[in-house]
Amino acid sequence: MSDKKLSLEEVDHVAMLARLGLEPDEREMMREQLSSILDHISLLQSVDTSAIPPTAQVITLQNQMRADDVHDSLSLDEVMKNAPDSEDGMFKVRAVLE
């Protein structure tokens, strides 16, 4: 790692871009943290990834399809057995609007 620290002006610029209002004592803390993040990114950039193909997923995805079999629908009586309250073959619910 390079351990190059950002300048306070660079921290101020990043804070302005991110629309952050930093207090004077927060500037130095942000400088340390942002510099550390950039050091880690620098370390990651040194890893050889030329043999790794670009990918958006780490596992292969495939659509899981089932057979499109035609079946009879439930009868009205079977459907209404699951309704807590019904009237004339329809679900009965509380009024939402008065």
C-alpha atoms as a PDB file:
ATOM      1  CA  MET A   1       0.000   0.000   0.000  1.00  0.00           C
ATOM      2  CA  SER A   2       1.159   3.471  -0.778  1.00  0.00           C
ATOM      3  CA  ASP A   3      -0.031   5.158   2.437  1.00  0.00           C
ATOM      4  CA  LYS A   4      -0.425   8.409   0.470  1.00  0.00           C
ATOM      5  CA  LYS A   5      -2.815  10.616   2.340  1.00  0.00           C
ATOM      6  CA  LEU A   6      -5.312  12.871   0.668  1.00  0.00           C
ATOM      7  CA  SER A   7      -4.899  16.579   1.224  1.00  0.00           C
ATOM      8  CA  LEU A   8      -7.495  18.467   3.220  1.00  0.00           C
ATOM      9  CA  GLU A   9      -8.377  20.350   0.026  1.00  0.00           C
ATOM     10  CA  GLU A  10      -9.161  17.024  -1.692  1.00  0.00           C
ATOM     11  CA  VAL A  11     -11.314  16.003   1.278  1.00  0.00           C
ATOM     12  CA  ASP A  12     -13.144  19.330   1.057  1.00  0.00           C
ATOM     13  CA  HIS A  13     -13.690  18.799  -2.672  1.00  0.00           C
ATOM     14  CA  VAL A  14     -15.093  15.280  -2.164  1.00  0.00           C
ATOM     15  CA  ALA A  15     -17.310  16.547   0.662  1.00  0.00           C
ATOM     16  CA  MET A  16     -18.607  19.315  -1.594  1.00  0.00           C
ATOM     17  CA  LEU A  17     -19.371  16.819  -4.375  1.00  0.00           C
ATOM     18  CA  ALA A  18     -21.196  14.583  -1.897  1.00  0.00           C
ATOM     19  CA  ARG A  19     -23.012  17.609  -0.457  1.00  0.00           C
ATOM     20  CA  LEU A  20     -21.580  16.910   2.999  1.00  0.00           C
ATOM     21  CA  GLY A  21     -21.028  19.650   5.491  1.00  0.00           C
ATOM     22  CA  LEU A  22     -17.939  18.678   7.459  1.00  0.00           C
ATOM     23  CA  GLU A  23     -16.992  20.223  10.764  1.00  0.00           C
ATOM     24  CA  PRO A  24     -13.294  21.162  11.085  1.00  0.00           C
ATOM     25  CA  ASP A  25     -12.573  18.182  13.371  1.00  0.00           C
ATOM     26  CA  GLU A  26     -14.307  15.794  10.920  1.00  0.00           C
ATOM     27  CA  ARG A  27     -12.036  16.780   8.042  1.00  0.00           C
ATOM     28  CA  GLU A  28      -8.992  14.987   9.460  1.00  0.00           C
ATOM     29  CA  MET A  29     -11.030  11.869  10.303  1.00  0.00           C
ATOM     30  CA  MET A  30     -12.423  11.812   6.747  1.00  0.00           C
ATOM     31  CA  ARG A  31      -8.928  12.316   5.368  1.00  0.00           C
ATOM     32  CA  GLU A  32      -7.710   9.222   7.246  1.00  0.00           C
ATOM     33  CA  GLN A  33     -10.714   7.110   6.268  1.00  0.00           C
ATOM     34  CA  LEU A  34     -10.789   8.112   2.596  1.00  0.00           C
ATOM     35  CA  SER A  35      -7.031   7.611   2.302  1.00  0.00           C
ATOM     36  CA  SER A  36      -7.393   4.131   3.795  1.00  0.00           C
ATOM     37  CA  ILE A  37     -10.188   3.270   1.347  1.00  0.00           C
ATOM     38  CA  LEU A  38      -8.075   4.447  -1.591  1.00  0.00           C
ATOM     39  CA  ASP A  39      -5.141   2.351  -0.330  1.00  0.00           C
ATOM     40  CA  HIS A  40      -7.356  -0.741  -0.285  1.00  0.00           C
ATOM     41  CA  ILE A  41      -8.602  -0.009  -3.789  1.00  0.00           C
ATOM     42  CA  SER A  42      -5.005   0.386  -4.936  1.00  0.00           C
ATOM     43  CA  LEU A  43      -4.195  -3.001  -3.441  1.00  0.00           C
ATOM     44  CA  LEU A  44      -7.143  -4.587  -5.265  1.00  0.00           C
ATOM     45  CA  GLN A  45      -6.045  -3.016  -8.555  1.00  0.00           C
ATOM     46  CA  SER A  46      -2.716  -4.818  -8.269  1.00  0.00           C
ATOM     47  CA  VAL A  47      -4.413  -8.254  -8.366  1.00  0.00           C
ATOM     48  CA  ASP A  48      -4.075  -9.988 -11.747  1.00  0.00           C
ATOM     49  CA  THR A  49      -7.611 -10.670 -13.002  1.00  0.00           C
ATOM     50  CA  SER A  50      -6.734 -11.206 -16.674  1.00  0.00           C
ATOM     51  CA  ALA A  51      -7.784 -14.885 -16.527  1.00  0.00           C
ATOM     52  CA  ILE A  52     -11.154 -14.084 -14.964  1.00  0.00           C
ATOM     53  CA  PRO A  53     -13.937 -13.317 -17.434  1.00  0.00           C
ATOM     54  CA  PRO A  54     -16.128 -10.284 -16.733  1.00  0.00           C
ATOM     55  CA  THR A  55     -19.395 -11.284 -15.114  1.00  0.00           C
ATOM     56  CA  ALA A  56     -22.370  -9.786 -13.366  1.00  0.00           C
ATOM     57  CA  GLN A  57     -23.165 -13.018 -11.482  1.00  0.00           C
ATOM     58  CA  VAL A  58     -20.858 -15.428  -9.698  1.00  0.00           C
ATOM     59  CA  ILE A  59     -23.132 -18.376 -10.447  1.00  0.00           C
ATOM     60  CA  THR A  60     -24.784 -19.206 -13.736  1.00  0.00           C
ATOM     61  CA  LEU A  61     -28.467 -18.411 -13.839  1.00  0.00           C
ATOM     62  CA  GLN A  62     -30.994 -20.344 -15.814  1.00  0.00           C
ATOM     63  CA  ASN A  63     -34.723 -19.858 -16.098  1.00  0.00           C
ATOM     64  CA  GLN A  64     -36.565 -22.586 -14.261  1.00  0.00           C
ATOM     65  CA  MET A  65     -39.524 -23.458 -16.425  1.00  0.00           C
ATOM     66  CA  ARG A  66     -42.299 -25.899 -15.670  1.00  0.00           C
ATOM     67  CA  ALA A  67     -44.498 -27.610 -18.179  1.00  0.00           C
ATOM     68  CA  ASP A  68     -47.503 -25.521 -19.161  1.00  0.00           C
ATOM     69  CA  ASP A  69     -50.150 -28.116 -18.416  1.00  0.00           C
ATOM     70  CA  VAL A  70     -53.822 -27.240 -18.682  1.00  0.00           C
ATOM     71  CA  HIS A  71     -55.898 -28.107 -15.608  1.00  0.00           C
ATOM     72  CA  ASP A  72     -59.493 -27.499 -14.608  1.00  0.00           C
ATOM     73  CA  SER A  73     -60.046 -24.402 -12.484  1.00  0.00           C
ATOM     74  CA  LEU A  74     -61.402 -24.559  -8.971  1.00  0.00           C
ATOM     75  CA  SER A  75     -65.150 -24.466  -8.730  1.00  0.00           C
ATOM     76  CA  LEU A  76     -66.812 -21.412  -7.202  1.00  0.00           C
ATOM     77  CA  ASP A  77     -67.772 -23.470  -4.157  1.00  0.00           C
ATOM     78  CA  GLU A  78     -64.140 -24.564  -3.616  1.00  0.00           C
ATOM     79  CA  VAL A  79     -62.928 -20.977  -3.886  1.00  0.00           C
ATOM     80  CA  MET A  80     -65.570 -19.632  -1.513  1.00  0.00           C
ATOM     81  CA  LYS A  81     -64.662 -22.264   1.114  1.00  0.00           C
ATOM     82  CA  ASN A  82     -61.459 -20.262   1.701  1.00  0.00           C
ATOM     83  CA  ALA A  83     -63.221 -16.909   2.050  1.00  0.00           C
ATOM     84  CA  PRO A  84     -63.752 -15.664   5.600  1.00  0.00           C
ATOM     85  CA  ASP A  85     -67.000 -14.030   4.448  1.00  0.00           C
ATOM     86  CA  SER A  86     -68.847 -14.173   1.125  1.00  0.00           C
ATOM     87  CA  GLU A  87     -72.126 -13.124  -0.416  1.00  0.00           C
ATOM     88  CA  ASP A  88     -73.640 -14.124  -3.776  1.00  0.00           C
ATOM     89  CA  GLY A  89     -70.428 -15.823  -4.923  1.00  0.00           C
ATOM     90  CA  MET A  90     -68.181 -12.853  -4.088  1.00  0.00           C
ATOM     91  CA  PHE A  91     -65.713 -12.098  -1.304  1.00  0.00           C
ATOM     92  CA  LYS A  92     -67.256  -9.814   1.280  1.00  0.00           C
ATOM     93  CA  VAL A  93     -64.929  -7.244   2.838  1.00  0.00           C
ATOM     94  CA  ARG A  94     -65.271  -4.178   5.024  1.00  0.00           C
ATOM     95  CA  ALA A  95     -65.953  -0.948   3.188  1.00  0.00           C
ATOM     96  CA  VAL A  96     -62.780   1.004   2.564  1.00  0.00           C
ATOM     97  CA  LEU A  97     -64.459   4.274   1.630  1.00  0.00           C
ATOM     98  CA  GLU A  98     -67.545   5.583   3.352  1.00  0.00           C
END
